[in-house]
Amino acid sequence: MSDTMVATVGPKGRLVLPVALRRRHGWDEGATLLFIETEAGTLITTRDQALADLRRQLAGPSLAEELVTQRRTEADQDLA
């Protein structure tokens, strides 16, 4: 999903987010948003969305499981 929207910083630093963006992400009045600075720009998200994204990134086999599998493979090769 790629879309370009514009918002202007108003008095006292207030920012009005475009309605389409708020609806798409379910950001209702009073929603707390995180502003995460990255090398590519600033990411705007909620805590729940950030946590879900982090969990997706960390999904998969654990490092411990990978090491155990590797050691078992090496042990089997040593016995052969």
PDB file of N, CA and C in Angstrom:
ATOM      1  N   MET A   1       0.851  -1.160   0.000  1.00  0.00           N
ATOM      2  CA  MET A   1       0.000   0.000   0.000  1.00  0.00           C
ATOM      3  C   MET A   1       0.900   1.226   0.000  1.00  0.00           C
ATOM      4  N   SER A   2       0.814   1.977  -1.039  1.00  0.00           N
ATOM      5  CA  SER A   2       1.624   3.179  -1.137  1.00  0.00           C
ATOM      6  C   SER A   2       0.709   4.346  -1.456  1.00  0.00           C
ATOM      7  N   ASP A   3       0.780   5.357  -0.616  1.00  0.00           N
ATOM      8  CA  ASP A   3      -0.059   6.525  -0.801  1.00  0.00           C
ATOM      9  C   ASP A   3       0.700   7.722  -0.255  1.00  0.00           C
ATOM     10  N   THR A   4       0.534   8.846  -0.872  1.00  0.00           N
ATOM     11  CA  THR A   4       1.184  10.064  -0.402  1.00  0.00           C
ATOM     12  C   THR A   4       0.118  11.008   0.117  1.00  0.00           C
ATOM     13  N   MET A   5       0.306  11.456   1.342  1.00  0.00           N
ATOM     14  CA  MET A   5      -0.629  12.398   1.959  1.00  0.00           C
ATOM     15  C   MET A   5       0.177  13.525   2.572  1.00  0.00           C
ATOM     16  N   VAL A   6      -0.480  14.654   2.771  1.00  0.00           N
ATOM     17  CA  VAL A   6       0.189  15.827   3.316  1.00  0.00           C
ATOM     18  C   VAL A   6      -0.529  16.273   4.576  1.00  0.00           C
ATOM     19  N   ALA A   7       0.245  16.672   5.575  1.00  0.00           N
ATOM     20  CA  ALA A   7      -0.300  17.265   6.792  1.00  0.00           C
ATOM     21  C   ALA A   7       0.605  18.436   7.151  1.00  0.00           C
ATOM     22  N   THR A   8       0.027  19.465   7.708  1.00  0.00           N
ATOM     23  CA  THR A   8       0.779  20.660   8.070  1.00  0.00           C
ATOM     24  C   THR A   8       0.861  20.776   9.584  1.00  0.00           C
ATOM     25  N   VAL A   9       2.042  21.081  10.082  1.00  0.00           N
ATOM     26  CA  VAL A   9       2.208  21.324  11.508  1.00  0.00           C
ATOM     27  C   VAL A   9       1.608  22.689  11.809  1.00  0.00           C
ATOM     28  N   GLY A  10       0.668  22.693  12.755  1.00  0.00           N
ATOM     29  CA  GLY A  10      -0.039  23.922  13.080  1.00  0.00           C
ATOM     30  C   GLY A  10       0.507  24.568  14.343  1.00  0.00           C
ATOM     31  N   PRO A  11      -0.275  25.483  14.894  1.00  0.00           N
ATOM     32  CA  PRO A  11       0.129  26.169  16.126  1.00  0.00           C
ATOM     33  C   PRO A  11       0.448  25.170  17.235  1.00  0.00           C
ATOM     34  N   LYS A  12       1.445  25.499  18.004  1.00  0.00           N
ATOM     35  CA  LYS A  12       1.876  24.674  19.139  1.00  0.00           C
ATOM     36  C   LYS A  12       2.310  23.272  18.706  1.00  0.00           C
ATOM     37  N   GLY A  13       2.701  23.114  17.448  1.00  0.00           N
ATOM     38  CA  GLY A  13       3.196  21.827  16.967  1.00  0.00           C
ATOM     39  C   GLY A  13       2.119  20.799  16.695  1.00  0.00           C
ATOM     40  N   ARG A  14       0.886  21.216  16.657  1.00  0.00           N
ATOM     41  CA  ARG A  14      -0.208  20.268  16.432  1.00  0.00           C
ATOM     42  C   ARG A  14      -0.207  19.788  14.988  1.00  0.00           C
ATOM     43  N   LEU A  15      -0.533  18.515  14.839  1.00  0.00           N
ATOM     44  CA  LEU A  15      -0.542  17.891  13.527  1.00  0.00           C
ATOM     45  C   LEU A  15      -1.886  17.205  13.330  1.00  0.00           C
ATOM     46  N   VAL A  16      -2.590  17.536  12.265  1.00  0.00           N
ATOM     47  CA  VAL A  16      -3.851  16.877  11.950  1.00  0.00           C
ATOM     48  C   VAL A  16      -3.566  15.820  10.894  1.00  0.00           C
ATOM     49  N   LEU A  17      -3.800  14.571  11.251  1.00  0.00           N
ATOM     50  CA  LEU A  17      -3.552  13.475  10.317  1.00  0.00           C
ATOM     51  C   LEU A  17      -4.711  13.352   9.340  1.00  0.00           C
ATOM     52  N   PRO A  18      -4.433  13.070   8.082  1.00  0.00           N
ATOM     53  CA  PRO A  18      -5.505  12.926   7.090  1.00  0.00           C
ATOM     54  C   PRO A  18      -6.501  11.842   7.518  1.00  0.00           C
ATOM     55  N   VAL A  19      -7.774  12.106   7.289  1.00  0.00           N
ATOM     56  CA  VAL A  19      -8.833  11.194   7.719  1.00  0.00           C
ATOM     57  C   VAL A  19      -8.661   9.802   7.104  1.00  0.00           C
ATOM     58  N   ALA A  20      -8.248   9.730   5.845  1.00  0.00           N
ATOM     59  CA  ALA A  20      -8.064   8.422   5.201  1.00  0.00           C
ATOM     60  C   ALA A  20      -7.014   7.592   5.933  1.00  0.00           C
ATOM     61  N   LEU A  21      -5.963   8.251   6.370  1.00  0.00           N
ATOM     62  CA  LEU A  21      -4.896   7.564   7.105  1.00  0.00           C
ATOM     63  C   LEU A  21      -5.399   7.087   8.470  1.00  0.00           C
ATOM     64  N   ARG A  22      -6.140   7.950   9.160  1.00  0.00           N
ATOM     65  CA  ARG A  22      -6.681   7.573  10.468  1.00  0.00           C
ATOM     66  C   ARG A  22      -7.636   6.395  10.339  1.00  0.00           C
ATOM     67  N   ARG A  23      -8.484   6.424   9.354  1.00  0.00           N
ATOM     68  CA  ARG A  23      -9.448   5.327   9.161  1.00  0.00           C
ATOM     69  C   ARG A  23      -8.744   4.026   8.801  1.00  0.00           C
ATOM     70  N   ARG A  24      -7.773   4.119   7.899  1.00  0.00           N
ATOM     71  CA  ARG A  24      -7.057   2.921   7.445  1.00  0.00           C
ATOM     72  C   ARG A  24      -6.375   2.211   8.606  1.00  0.00           C
ATOM     73  N   HIS A  25      -5.842   2.982   9.540  1.00  0.00           N
ATOM     74  CA  HIS A  25      -5.097   2.393  10.655  1.00  0.00           C
ATOM     75  C   HIS A  25      -5.910   2.275  11.937  1.00  0.00           C
ATOM     76  N   GLY A  26      -7.141   2.751  11.919  1.00  0.00           N
ATOM     77  CA  GLY A  26      -7.983   2.651  13.106  1.00  0.00           C
ATOM     78  C   GLY A  26      -7.542   3.577  14.227  1.00  0.00           C
ATOM     79  N   TRP A  27      -6.953   4.703  13.851  1.00  0.00           N
ATOM     80  CA  TRP A  27      -6.491   5.671  14.847  1.00  0.00           C
ATOM     81  C   TRP A  27      -7.633   6.622  15.164  1.00  0.00           C
ATOM     82  N   ASP A  28      -8.339   6.333  16.246  1.00  0.00           N
ATOM     83  CA  ASP A  28      -9.455   7.172  16.664  1.00  0.00           C
ATOM     84  C   ASP A  28      -8.955   8.299  17.552  1.00  0.00           C
ATOM     85  N   GLU A  29      -9.841   9.246  17.837  1.00  0.00           N
ATOM     86  CA  GLU A  29      -9.486  10.363  18.710  1.00  0.00           C
ATOM     87  C   GLU A  29      -8.972   9.828  20.036  1.00  0.00           C
ATOM     88  N   GLY A  30      -7.883  10.382  20.505  1.00  0.00           N
ATOM     89  CA  GLY A  30      -7.283   9.960  21.770  1.00  0.00           C
ATOM     90  C   GLY A  30      -6.248   8.853  21.624  1.00  0.00           C
ATOM     91  N   ALA A  31      -6.071   8.331  20.398  1.00  0.00           N
ATOM     92  CA  ALA A  31      -5.078   7.273  20.177  1.00  0.00           C
ATOM     93  C   ALA A  31      -3.680   7.806  20.480  1.00  0.00           C
ATOM     94  N   THR A  32      -2.876   6.991  21.132  1.00  0.00           N
ATOM     95  CA  THR A  32      -1.491   7.358  21.406  1.00  0.00           C
ATOM     96  C   THR A  32      -0.624   6.787  20.293  1.00  0.00           C
ATOM     97  N   LEU A  33       0.145   7.647  19.656  1.00  0.00           N
ATOM     98  CA  LEU A  33       0.991   7.228  18.544  1.00  0.00           C
ATOM     99  C   LEU A  33       2.461   7.346  18.927  1.00  0.00           C
ATOM    100  N   LEU A  34       3.261   6.433  18.388  1.00  0.00           N
ATOM    101  CA  LEU A  34       4.710   6.477  18.564  1.00  0.00           C
ATOM    102  C   LEU A  34       5.318   7.092  17.302  1.00  0.00           C
ATOM    103  N   PHE A  35       6.304   7.933  17.475  1.00  0.00           N
ATOM    104  CA  PHE A  35       7.071   8.481  16.364  1.00  0.00           C
ATOM    105  C   PHE A  35       8.476   7.911  16.493  1.00  0.00           C
ATOM    106  N   ILE A  36       8.841   7.016  15.585  1.00  0.00           N
ATOM    107  CA  ILE A  36      10.118   6.321  15.662  1.00  0.00           C
ATOM    108  C   ILE A  36      11.006   6.832  14.534  1.00  0.00           C
ATOM    109  N   GLU A  37      12.124   7.469  14.909  1.00  0.00           N
ATOM    110  CA  GLU A  37      13.043   7.993  13.898  1.00  0.00           C
ATOM    111  C   GLU A  37      13.945   6.871  13.391  1.00  0.00           C
ATOM    112  N   THR A  38      14.056   6.764  12.080  1.00  0.00           N
ATOM    113  CA  THR A  38      14.937   5.787  11.450  1.00  0.00           C
ATOM    114  C   THR A  38      15.808   6.527  10.431  1.00  0.00           C
ATOM    115  N   GLU A  39      16.765   5.833   9.855  1.00  0.00           N
ATOM    116  CA  GLU A  39      17.599   6.442   8.821  1.00  0.00           C
ATOM    117  C   GLU A  39      16.774   6.821   7.602  1.00  0.00           C
ATOM    118  N   ALA A  40      15.691   6.077   7.356  1.00  0.00           N
ATOM    119  CA  ALA A  40      14.864   6.313   6.175  1.00  0.00           C
ATOM    120  C   ALA A  40      13.808   7.386   6.400  1.00  0.00           C
ATOM    121  N   GLY A  41      13.565   7.766   7.639  1.00  0.00           N
ATOM    122  CA  GLY A  41      12.532   8.761   7.935  1.00  0.00           C
ATOM    123  C   GLY A  41      11.919   8.482   9.293  1.00  0.00           C
ATOM    124  N   THR A  42      10.729   9.006   9.513  1.00  0.00           N
ATOM    125  CA  THR A  42      10.043   8.829  10.784  1.00  0.00           C
ATOM    126  C   THR A  42       8.839   7.926  10.595  1.00  0.00           C
ATOM    127  N   LEU A  43       8.762   6.892  11.396  1.00  0.00           N
ATOM    128  CA  LEU A  43       7.675   5.930  11.364  1.00  0.00           C
ATOM    129  C   LEU A  43       6.638   6.347  12.399  1.00  0.00           C
ATOM    130  N   ILE A  44       5.369   6.370  12.023  1.00  0.00           N
ATOM    131  CA  ILE A  44       4.282   6.668  12.943  1.00  0.00           C
ATOM    132  C   ILE A  44       3.473   5.391  13.125  1.00  0.00           C
ATOM    133  N   THR A  45       3.302   4.954  14.358  1.00  0.00           N
ATOM    134  CA  THR A  45       2.596   3.711  14.642  1.00  0.00           C
ATOM    135  C   THR A  45       2.046   3.744  16.059  1.00  0.00           C
ATOM    136  N   THR A  46       1.269   2.742  16.414  1.00  0.00           N
ATOM    137  CA  THR A  46       0.813   2.598  17.797  1.00  0.00           C
ATOM    138  C   THR A  46       1.712   1.578  18.495  1.00  0.00           C
ATOM    139  N   ARG A  47       1.634   1.537  19.797  1.00  0.00           N
ATOM    140  CA  ARG A  47       2.424   0.536  20.539  1.00  0.00           C
ATOM    141  C   ARG A  47       2.045  -0.875  20.110  1.00  0.00           C
ATOM    142  N   ASP A  48       0.734  -1.129  19.985  1.00  0.00           N
ATOM    143  CA  ASP A  48       0.285  -2.468  19.585  1.00  0.00           C
ATOM    144  C   ASP A  48       0.791  -2.836  18.201  1.00  0.00           C
ATOM    145  N   GLN A  49       0.754  -1.890  17.271  1.00  0.00           N
ATOM    146  CA  GLN A  49       1.245  -2.158  15.918  1.00  0.00           C
ATOM    147  C   GLN A  49       2.750  -2.399  15.925  1.00  0.00           C
ATOM    148  N   ALA A  50       3.487  -1.621  16.718  1.00  0.00           N
ATOM    149  CA  ALA A  50       4.942  -1.792  16.805  1.00  0.00           C
ATOM    150  C   ALA A  50       5.282  -3.143  17.410  1.00  0.00           C
ATOM    151  N   LEU A  51       4.547  -3.545  18.450  1.00  0.00           N
ATOM    152  CA  LEU A  51       4.788  -4.839  19.087  1.00  0.00           C
ATOM    153  C   LEU A  51       4.482  -5.983  18.134  1.00  0.00           C
ATOM    154  N   ALA A  52       3.374  -5.895  17.393  1.00  0.00           N
ATOM    155  CA  ALA A  52       3.023  -6.932  16.421  1.00  0.00           C
ATOM    156  C   ALA A  52       4.083  -7.032  15.336  1.00  0.00           C
ATOM    157  N   ASP A  53       4.587  -5.888  14.866  1.00  0.00           N
ATOM    158  CA  ASP A  53       5.631  -5.880  13.841  1.00  0.00           C
ATOM    159  C   ASP A  53       6.912  -6.516  14.362  1.00  0.00           C
ATOM    160  N   LEU A  54       7.282  -6.194  15.592  1.00  0.00           N
ATOM    161  CA  LEU A  54       8.475  -6.772  16.201  1.00  0.00           C
ATOM    162  C   LEU A  54       8.335  -8.279  16.328  1.00  0.00           C
ATOM    163  N   ARG A  55       7.174  -8.750  16.757  1.00  0.00           N
ATOM    164  CA  ARG A  55       6.940 -10.199  16.882  1.00  0.00           C
ATOM    165  C   ARG A  55       7.053 -10.891  15.540  1.00  0.00           C
ATOM    166  N   ARG A  56       6.531 -10.248  14.458  1.00  0.00           N
ATOM    167  CA  ARG A  56       6.658 -10.834  13.116  1.00  0.00           C
ATOM    168  C   ARG A  56       8.124 -10.937  12.705  1.00  0.00           C
ATOM    169  N   GLN A  57       8.896  -9.900  13.024  1.00  0.00           N
ATOM    170  CA  GLN A  57      10.313  -9.892  12.658  1.00  0.00           C
ATOM    171  C   GLN A  57      11.101 -10.966  13.410  1.00  0.00           C
ATOM    172  N   LEU A  58      10.687 -11.250  14.634  1.00  0.00           N
ATOM    173  CA  LEU A  58      11.407 -12.222  15.452  1.00  0.00           C
ATOM    174  C   LEU A  58      10.875 -13.642  15.322  1.00  0.00           C
ATOM    175  N   ALA A  59       9.814 -13.829  14.557  1.00  0.00           N
ATOM    176  CA  ALA A  59       9.221 -15.149  14.387  1.00  0.00           C
ATOM    177  C   ALA A  59      10.204 -16.091  13.689  1.00  0.00           C
ATOM    178  N   GLY A  60      10.054 -17.343  13.965  1.00  0.00           N
ATOM    179  CA  GLY A  60      10.917 -18.332  13.338  1.00  0.00           C
ATOM    180  C   GLY A  60      11.682 -19.098  14.396  1.00  0.00           C
ATOM    181  N   PRO A  61      12.538 -19.983  13.953  1.00  0.00           N
ATOM    182  CA  PRO A  61      13.277 -20.800  14.920  1.00  0.00           C
ATOM    183  C   PRO A  61      14.191 -19.939  15.786  1.00  0.00           C
ATOM    184  N   SER A  62      14.333 -20.339  17.013  1.00  0.00           N
ATOM    185  CA  SER A  62      15.189 -19.592  17.928  1.00  0.00           C
ATOM    186  C   SER A  62      16.649 -19.921  17.654  1.00  0.00           C
ATOM    187  N   LEU A  63      17.520 -19.048  18.080  1.00  0.00           N
ATOM    188  CA  LEU A  63      18.951 -19.276  17.930  1.00  0.00           C
ATOM    189  C   LEU A  63      19.356 -20.538  18.680  1.00  0.00           C
ATOM    190  N   ALA A  64      18.778 -20.765  19.851  1.00  0.00           N
ATOM    191  CA  ALA A  64      19.093 -21.954  20.640  1.00  0.00           C
ATOM    192  C   ALA A  64      18.744 -23.223  19.861  1.00  0.00           C
ATOM    193  N   GLU A  65      17.568 -23.227  19.220  1.00  0.00           N
ATOM    194  CA  GLU A  65      17.171 -24.392  18.430  1.00  0.00           C
ATOM    195  C   GLU A  65      18.127 -24.619  17.265  1.00  0.00           C
ATOM    196  N   GLU A  66      18.534 -23.553  16.614  1.00  0.00           N
ATOM    197  CA  GLU A  66      19.473 -23.673  15.501  1.00  0.00           C
ATOM    198  C   GLU A  66      20.811 -24.242  15.969  1.00  0.00           C
ATOM    199  N   LEU A  67      21.320 -23.773  17.124  1.00  0.00           N
ATOM    200  CA  LEU A  67      22.592 -24.265  17.647  1.00  0.00           C
ATOM    201  C   LEU A  67      22.512 -25.733  18.036  1.00  0.00           C
ATOM    202  N   VAL A  68      21.413 -26.142  18.667  1.00  0.00           N
ATOM    203  CA  VAL A  68      21.239 -27.546  19.056  1.00  0.00           C
ATOM    204  C   VAL A  68      21.219 -28.428  17.810  1.00  0.00           C
ATOM    205  N   THR A  69      20.495 -28.007  16.782  1.00  0.00           N
ATOM    206  CA  THR A  69      20.431 -28.764  15.533  1.00  0.00           C
ATOM    207  C   THR A  69      21.816 -28.881  14.899  1.00  0.00           C
ATOM    208  N   GLN A  70      22.554 -27.769  14.898  1.00  0.00           N
ATOM    209  CA  GLN A  70      23.902 -27.767  14.327  1.00  0.00           C
ATOM    210  C   GLN A  70      24.813 -28.718  15.105  1.00  0.00           C
ATOM    211  N   ARG A  71      24.760 -28.671  16.425  1.00  0.00           N
ATOM    212  CA  ARG A  71      25.610 -29.544  17.250  1.00  0.00           C
ATOM    213  C   ARG A  71      25.258 -31.014  17.044  1.00  0.00           C
ATOM    214  N   ARG A  72      23.970 -31.314  16.924  1.00  0.00           N
ATOM    215  CA  ARG A  72      23.549 -32.715  16.691  1.00  0.00           C
ATOM    216  C   ARG A  72      24.060 -33.198  15.354  1.00  0.00           C
ATOM    217  N   THR A  73      23.992 -32.361  14.345  1.00  0.00           N
ATOM    218  CA  THR A  73      24.492 -32.707  13.013  1.00  0.00           C
ATOM    219  C   THR A  73      25.993 -32.983  13.073  1.00  0.00           C
ATOM    220  N   GLU A  74      26.739 -32.107  13.771  1.00  0.00           N
ATOM    221  CA  GLU A  74      28.177 -32.300  13.904  1.00  0.00           C
ATOM    222  C   GLU A  74      28.484 -33.570  14.681  1.00  0.00           C
ATOM    223  N   ALA A  75      27.720 -33.856  15.723  1.00  0.00           N
ATOM    224  CA  ALA A  75      27.938 -35.077  16.514  1.00  0.00           C
ATOM    225  C   ALA A  75      27.669 -36.314  15.661  1.00  0.00           C
ATOM    226  N   ASP A  76      26.612 -36.293  14.864  1.00  0.00           N
ATOM    227  CA  ASP A  76      26.305 -37.422  13.980  1.00  0.00           C
ATOM    228  C   ASP A  76      27.422 -37.638  12.967  1.00  0.00           C
ATOM    229  N   GLN A  77      28.002 -36.564  12.459  1.00  0.00           N
ATOM    230  CA  GLN A  77      29.101 -36.673  11.502  1.00  0.00           C
ATOM    231  C   GLN A  77      30.340 -37.244  12.170  1.00  0.00           C
ATOM    232  N   ASP A  78      30.594 -36.876  13.427  1.00  0.00           N
ATOM    233  CA  ASP A  78      31.751 -37.382  14.156  1.00  0.00           C
ATOM    234  C   ASP A  78      31.609 -38.885  14.418  1.00  0.00           C
ATOM    235  N   LEU A  79      30.382 -39.379  14.601  1.00  0.00           N
ATOM    236  CA  LEU A  79      30.143 -40.787  14.882  1.00  0.00           C
ATOM    237  C   LEU A  79      30.229 -41.631  13.613  1.00  0.00           C
ATOM    238  N   ALA A  80      30.045 -41.007  12.463  1.00  0.00           N
ATOM    239  CA  ALA A  80      30.024 -41.753  11.203  1.00  0.00           C
ATOM    240  C   ALA A  80      31.415 -42.134  10.754  1.00  0.00           C
TER     241      ALA A  80
END
